[in-house]
């Protein structure tokens, strides 16, 4: 991608940040295709983000899920 990171660089950056800071949320934007071949490029990123989120979630004690108002359920 012109002017951007390579997928491998982004994956390395996600792992590096997760190694020193808990990652508690993530979002992927600007993905506007439903072509499976084009979406496949995101798999390494999704795996790295998933691992980073999982690493943080297992380090904390389980928290009770707050109840939602009846109208929202």
Protein backbone atom coordinates (compact mmCIF):
# COMPACT_ATOMS: atom_id res chain seq x y z
CA UNK A 1 0.00 0.00 0.00
CA UNK A 2 1.50 3.33 -0.96
CA UNK A 3 2.56 5.31 2.07
CA UNK A 4 1.30 2.69 4.53
CA UNK A 5 2.56 -0.29 6.44
CA UNK A 6 2.99 -3.73 5.02
CA UNK A 7 0.72 -6.35 6.59
CA UNK A 8 3.73 -7.97 8.25
CA UNK A 9 4.81 -4.60 9.71
CA UNK A 10 1.34 -3.97 11.12
CA UNK A 11 1.19 -7.46 12.65
CA UNK A 12 4.63 -6.91 14.23
CA UNK A 13 3.49 -3.53 15.60
CA UNK A 14 0.32 -5.03 17.11
CA UNK A 15 2.38 -7.75 18.79
CA UNK A 16 4.95 -5.26 20.06
CA UNK A 17 2.33 -2.99 21.61
CA UNK A 18 0.48 -5.96 23.13
CA UNK A 19 3.73 -7.12 24.71
CA UNK A 20 4.05 -3.91 26.72
CA UNK A 21 0.46 -2.65 27.08
CA UNK A 22 -2.90 -4.36 27.43
CA UNK A 23 -5.06 -3.98 24.34
CA UNK A 24 -8.69 -3.80 25.38
CA UNK A 25 -10.34 -2.97 22.07
CA UNK A 26 -9.68 -2.75 18.36
CA UNK A 27 -11.43 -1.80 15.18
CA UNK A 28 -10.82 -2.38 11.51
CA UNK A 29 -12.16 0.24 9.13
CA UNK A 30 -12.01 1.06 5.43
CA UNK A 31 -12.57 -2.53 4.37
CA UNK A 32 -15.11 -2.24 1.58
CA UNK A 33 -15.22 -5.55 -0.22
CA UNK A 34 -17.05 -8.82 0.02
CA UNK A 35 -14.52 -10.62 -2.18
CA UNK A 36 -13.11 -13.51 -0.11
CA UNK A 37 -9.74 -13.32 -1.85
CA UNK A 38 -9.34 -9.63 -1.02
CA UNK A 39 -10.52 -10.17 2.56
CA UNK A 40 -7.96 -12.97 3.04
CA UNK A 41 -5.23 -10.34 3.36
CA UNK A 42 -6.76 -9.32 6.72
CA UNK A 43 -6.38 -12.77 8.31
CA UNK A 44 -2.91 -12.13 9.85
CA UNK A 45 -4.14 -8.82 11.27
CA UNK A 46 -7.28 -10.38 12.72
CA UNK A 47 -5.23 -13.17 14.28
CA UNK A 48 -2.77 -10.71 15.83
CA UNK A 49 -5.56 -8.51 17.20
CA UNK A 50 -7.46 -11.55 18.48
CA UNK A 51 -4.37 -12.85 20.26
CA UNK A 52 -3.68 -9.43 21.78
CA UNK A 53 -7.26 -9.08 23.04
CA UNK A 54 -7.27 -12.64 24.35
CA UNK A 55 -3.98 -12.11 26.20
CA UNK A 56 -5.51 -9.19 28.08
CA UNK A 57 -8.83 -10.86 28.76
CA UNK A 58 -7.20 -13.88 30.39
CA UNK A 59 -5.02 -11.67 32.60
CA UNK A 60 -8.00 -10.06 34.33
CA UNK A 61 -10.53 -11.70 36.63
CA UNK A 62 -13.90 -12.31 35.06
CA UNK A 63 -16.30 -9.41 35.44
CA UNK A 64 -20.05 -9.84 35.76
CA UNK A 65 -22.00 -8.80 32.69
CA UNK A 66 -24.13 -5.75 33.50
CA UNK A 67 -27.86 -6.14 33.05
CA UNK A 68 -29.42 -4.27 30.17
CA UNK A 69 -32.66 -2.36 30.58
CA UNK A 70 -35.67 -4.48 29.63
CA UNK A 71 -36.48 -2.30 26.60
CA UNK A 72 -33.06 -3.02 25.06
CA UNK A 73 -33.15 -6.80 25.39
